[in-house]
Amino acid sequence: MLVYPMAASIGPDGNSAAQLRVYSKSEETQYVKASVQRVIDPATDNEREESDAVSGDYPVVISPAKFALPAGGTRLVRVIPLSAPQKEVLYRVYLHPIAPPTDDEADAGNATAGKVSFNLVWAPLVRVLPKLPAPDLDVSDGTLINTGNVRLGLLSAGACETPQNESSCRWTTFERSVYPDQKFKLEGLSPARYVRIRYRVEGMSDVQQKVVPTHLIDAIDVQSARNPTSSGHSLTSINQKE
């Protein structure tokens, strides 16, 4: 059995449901159950899952929840949110093998009951986006804070001496996701007056950039601490083509 895609997004560009297609690679009929869990603190050491995905603040439903997958056939599974969240919410959809129905049930449905011949459980990710995505970030004490309402695909951070000139920056690559309200320590970043962040946002093809001042106690020129700059105040935002 194969599942595609392994990651999908819902909204705000008009797609009201995520579509996951399940492909059979078996010569027998398989029986599958779909369930969903909400992912808490994703992409962190505290990542966990909760089972309130169908009854919580922003519930989603799966259709169909159970189905027979014919030999060599395909089935389309839809993940449908019942409301739009204020901030991006992440779900993991589990596709479990289950036992075939009894002989009586199989005969009544005019179907051939096959044996469950796979143990692999597929678990694609589904992101539900807010109606009005508003990406934003801040940097304080060497820590990036996602102050927006959508996930940031952090690419790299540059320690810069000026907010305009990229040639003065010393870059460190990170390549990780930072979800709304999450903090991420920019380990290994050199001390400097400014930090330039490169990141991606769902639905935007260009690499985004933002420059913020750092705490002056972390700057190379310690003497400039006599004239402190408020940390986290945005100086400029830049869209950069790849």
Protein backbone atom coordinates (compact mmCIF):
# COMPACT_ATOMS: atom_id res chain seq x y z
CA MET A 1 0.00 0.00 0.00
CA LEU A 2 1.19 3.49 -0.84
CA VAL A 3 -0.16 6.89 0.23
CA TYR A 4 0.30 10.19 -1.61
CA PRO A 5 0.93 12.95 -0.70
CA MET A 6 2.60 12.54 2.67
CA ALA A 7 2.03 16.24 3.48
CA ALA A 8 -0.93 18.42 2.49
CA SER A 9 -2.38 21.82 3.38
CA ILE A 10 -5.97 23.06 3.66
CA GLY A 11 -6.90 26.69 2.92
CA PRO A 12 -6.81 29.59 2.50
CA ASP A 13 -6.47 29.38 -1.31
CA GLY A 14 -9.87 27.76 -1.82
CA ASN A 15 -9.00 24.12 -1.09
CA SER A 16 -11.55 23.20 1.56
CA ALA A 17 -10.25 19.65 2.10
CA ALA A 18 -7.02 17.69 1.86
CA GLN A 19 -7.05 14.72 -0.50
CA LEU A 20 -4.94 11.66 0.26
CA ARG A 21 -4.89 8.90 -2.32
CA VAL A 22 -4.26 5.32 -1.20
CA TYR A 23 -2.82 2.89 -3.77
CA SER A 24 -2.97 -0.89 -3.45
CA LYS A 25 0.19 -2.84 -4.26
CA SER A 26 -1.36 -6.13 -3.17
CA GLU A 27 -2.98 -9.00 -5.07
CA GLU A 28 -5.63 -9.23 -2.35
CA THR A 29 -8.33 -6.94 -1.03
CA GLN A 30 -7.14 -4.95 1.99
CA TYR A 31 -9.21 -3.29 4.70
CA VAL A 32 -8.15 0.07 6.06
CA LYS A 33 -9.22 2.35 8.91
CA ALA A 34 -8.40 6.07 8.92
CA SER A 35 -7.98 8.06 12.15
CA VAL A 36 -6.57 11.48 12.96
CA GLN A 37 -4.55 13.01 15.82
CA ARG A 38 -3.75 16.66 16.50
CA VAL A 39 0.00 17.34 16.79
CA ILE A 40 1.03 19.53 19.74
CA ASP A 41 4.38 21.39 19.76
CA PRO A 42 5.41 19.96 16.37
CA ALA A 43 9.09 19.83 15.34
CA THR A 44 10.24 20.14 18.98
CA ASP A 45 11.46 17.77 21.67
CA ASN A 46 8.01 18.15 23.30
CA GLU A 47 6.07 17.01 20.24
CA ARG A 48 3.07 14.88 21.16
CA GLU A 49 -0.36 13.97 19.83
CA GLU A 50 -3.86 14.43 21.20
CA SER A 51 -7.00 12.60 20.17
CA ASP A 52 -9.31 15.63 20.25
CA ALA A 53 -8.99 16.23 16.50
CA VAL A 54 -12.69 15.47 15.90
CA SER A 55 -14.04 17.16 19.04
CA GLY A 56 -11.62 19.97 19.94
CA ASP A 57 -11.64 23.67 19.12
CA TYR A 58 -10.95 23.12 15.41
CA PRO A 59 -12.27 19.65 14.55
CA VAL A 60 -11.65 17.77 11.33
CA VAL A 61 -13.42 14.73 9.89
CA ILE A 62 -12.18 11.96 7.61
CA SER A 63 -14.19 10.47 4.77
CA PRO A 64 -14.31 7.51 4.46
CA ALA A 65 -13.18 6.41 7.93
CA LYS A 66 -13.14 2.73 6.87
CA PHE A 67 -12.89 1.23 3.42
CA ALA A 68 -11.95 -1.81 1.39
CA LEU A 69 -8.98 -1.34 -0.92
CA PRO A 70 -9.34 -3.66 -3.94
CA ALA A 71 -6.31 -5.46 -5.31
CA GLY A 72 -4.40 -3.00 -7.49
CA GLY A 73 -7.02 -0.30 -6.87
CA THR A 74 -7.05 3.18 -5.34
CA ARG A 75 -9.20 5.06 -2.82
CA LEU A 76 -9.44 8.75 -2.14
CA VAL A 77 -9.50 9.83 1.53
CA ARG A 78 -10.61 13.39 2.32
CA VAL A 79 -9.67 15.35 5.44
CA ILE A 80 -12.27 18.09 6.00
CA PRO A 81 -11.97 20.87 8.62
CA LEU A 82 -15.24 22.01 10.20
CA SER A 83 -13.91 25.52 10.92
CA ALA A 84 -10.93 27.70 10.14
CA PRO A 85 -8.38 28.08 12.97
CA GLN A 86 -6.94 31.40 14.09
CA LYS A 87 -3.45 29.89 13.85
CA GLU A 88 -2.10 27.02 11.77
CA VAL A 89 -2.97 23.60 13.22
CA LEU A 90 -1.16 20.37 12.36
CA TYR A 91 -2.78 16.92 12.17
CA ARG A 92 -1.41 13.45 11.52
CA VAL A 93 -3.68 11.04 9.66
CA TYR A 94 -3.14 7.34 10.41
CA LEU A 95 -4.08 4.67 7.90
CA HIS A 96 -4.25 1.38 9.80
CA PRO A 97 -4.68 -2.17 8.49
CA ILE A 98 -7.71 -3.86 10.03
CA ALA A 99 -9.11 -7.37 9.97
CA PRO A 100 -11.46 -8.28 7.12
CA PRO A 101 -15.18 -8.53 7.82
CA THR A 102 -16.74 -11.87 8.72
CA ASP A 103 -17.77 -14.25 5.97
CA ASP A 104 -21.41 -13.27 6.39
CA GLU A 105 -20.62 -9.57 6.04
CA ALA A 106 -18.39 -10.22 3.04
CA ASP A 107 -21.07 -12.31 1.30
CA ALA A 108 -23.72 -9.69 2.02
CA GLY A 109 -21.53 -7.03 0.43
CA ASN A 110 -20.63 -9.28 -2.50
CA ALA A 111 -16.94 -8.76 -1.69
CA THR A 112 -14.05 -11.15 -1.29
CA ALA A 113 -12.47 -10.98 2.16
CA GLY A 114 -8.70 -10.85 1.88
CA LYS A 115 -6.10 -11.33 4.54
CA VAL A 116 -4.34 -8.41 6.16
CA SER A 117 -0.91 -8.84 4.63
CA PHE A 118 0.80 -5.60 5.68
CA ASN A 119 1.91 -4.14 9.01
CA LEU A 120 3.05 -0.71 7.85
CA VAL A 121 0.96 2.21 9.14
CA TRP A 122 1.05 5.33 6.99
CA ALA A 123 0.79 8.71 8.75
CA PRO A 124 0.73 11.72 6.40
CA LEU A 125 0.65 15.25 7.83
CA VAL A 126 -2.17 17.70 7.13
CA ARG A 127 -1.86 21.41 7.94
CA VAL A 128 -5.00 23.53 8.38
CA LEU A 129 -4.23 27.21 7.70
CA PRO A 130 -6.07 30.31 8.95
CA LYS A 131 -8.22 32.35 6.57
CA LEU A 132 -5.77 35.26 6.63
CA PRO A 133 -2.17 34.03 6.92
CA ALA A 134 0.05 36.62 8.63
CA PRO A 135 3.66 35.40 8.87
CA ASP A 136 5.89 37.33 11.26
CA LEU A 137 8.85 36.77 13.56
CA ASP A 138 10.97 38.37 16.23
CA VAL A 139 14.48 37.73 17.57
CA SER A 140 15.44 38.24 21.20
CA ASP A 141 18.55 37.04 23.06
CA GLY A 142 19.56 34.86 20.12
CA THR A 143 16.15 33.17 19.99
CA LEU A 144 13.75 33.32 17.06
CA ILE A 145 10.08 33.66 18.02
CA ASN A 146 7.28 32.96 15.55
CA THR A 147 4.86 35.81 16.27
CA GLY A 148 2.69 35.13 13.22
CA ASN A 149 -0.15 32.65 12.68
CA VAL A 150 1.49 30.23 10.19
CA ARG A 151 4.51 27.96 10.13
CA LEU A 152 7.87 29.43 9.11
CA GLY A 153 10.28 27.25 7.17
CA LEU A 154 13.48 28.66 8.66
CA LEU A 155 16.33 28.37 6.15
CA SER A 156 19.22 30.35 7.62
CA ALA A 157 20.16 33.30 9.79
CA GLY A 158 22.88 35.86 9.16
CA ALA A 159 24.79 37.84 11.78
CA CYS A 160 25.11 41.28 10.14
CA GLU A 161 26.83 44.56 10.94
CA THR A 162 24.33 46.68 8.98
CA PRO A 163 20.63 46.13 8.20
CA GLN A 164 21.06 46.86 4.47
CA ASN A 165 24.28 45.19 3.36
CA GLU A 166 24.10 41.37 3.08
CA SER A 167 27.83 41.17 2.36
CA SER A 168 28.50 41.93 6.03
CA CYS A 169 26.51 38.88 7.18
CA ARG A 170 27.93 35.60 8.49
CA TRP A 171 25.38 32.91 7.69
CA THR A 172 24.36 29.83 9.66
CA THR A 173 22.06 27.22 8.07
CA PHE A 174 19.20 25.75 10.14
CA GLU A 175 16.48 24.36 7.79
CA ARG A 176 13.68 23.54 10.21
CA SER A 177 10.04 24.40 10.85
CA VAL A 178 9.00 26.91 13.51
CA TYR A 179 5.26 26.90 14.21
CA PRO A 180 3.19 29.80 15.63
CA ASP A 181 4.14 30.81 19.20
CA GLN A 182 7.21 28.55 19.12
CA LYS A 183 10.73 29.69 20.02
CA PHE A 184 13.93 28.39 18.43
CA LYS A 185 17.42 29.06 19.74
CA LEU A 186 19.75 30.20 16.93
CA GLU A 187 22.68 28.10 18.12
CA GLY A 188 26.05 28.90 16.58
CA LEU A 189 25.06 32.34 15.32
CA SER A 190 27.90 34.85 15.60
CA PRO A 191 27.35 37.99 17.74
CA ALA A 192 26.39 41.04 15.67
CA ARG A 193 24.22 44.14 15.76
CA TYR A 194 21.56 42.69 13.44
CA VAL A 195 20.13 39.31 12.47
CA ARG A 196 18.82 38.65 8.96
CA ILE A 197 16.40 35.72 8.79
CA ARG A 198 15.68 33.79 5.59
CA TYR A 199 12.55 31.67 5.62
CA ARG A 200 9.75 30.20 3.54
CA VAL A 201 5.99 30.52 4.01
CA GLU A 202 3.30 28.15 2.71
CA GLY A 203 1.85 29.52 -0.54
CA MET A 204 4.74 31.93 -1.24
CA SER A 205 7.24 30.79 -3.85
CA ASP A 206 9.85 33.41 -2.95
CA VAL A 207 12.28 33.18 -0.05
CA GLN A 208 11.27 35.77 2.56
CA GLN A 209 13.73 37.85 4.60
CA LYS A 210 13.47 39.98 7.70
CA VAL A 211 16.14 41.97 9.55
CA VAL A 212 15.89 42.64 13.27
CA PRO A 213 18.36 44.23 15.73
CA THR A 214 19.90 42.06 18.43
CA HIS A 215 20.53 42.92 22.06
CA LEU A 216 23.62 45.10 22.09
CA ILE A 217 25.17 43.03 24.87
CA ASP A 218 25.53 40.35 22.21
CA ALA A 219 27.01 42.71 19.63
CA ILE A 220 30.67 42.71 18.72
CA ASP A 221 31.02 46.43 19.47
CA VAL A 222 30.38 46.46 23.22
CA GLN A 223 30.80 50.22 23.40
CA SER A 224 27.55 50.66 21.46
CA ALA A 225 25.72 49.45 24.58
CA ARG A 226 25.67 53.07 25.71
CA ASN A 227 22.91 53.63 23.17
CA PRO A 228 20.69 50.51 23.52
CA THR A 229 18.33 49.42 20.79
CA SER A 230 15.00 47.78 21.58
CA SER A 231 15.22 44.09 20.70
CA GLY A 232 12.78 42.62 18.25
CA HIS A 233 11.79 45.86 16.48
CA SER A 234 11.52 45.21 12.77
CA LEU A 235 13.71 47.34 10.54
CA THR A 236 12.89 46.00 7.11
CA SER A 237 11.26 43.10 5.32
CA ILE A 238 12.53 41.88 1.97
CA ASN A 239 11.23 39.46 -0.64
CA GLN A 240 14.09 37.73 -2.41
CA LYS A 241 13.89 35.55 -5.51
CA GLU A 242 15.70 32.25 -5.23
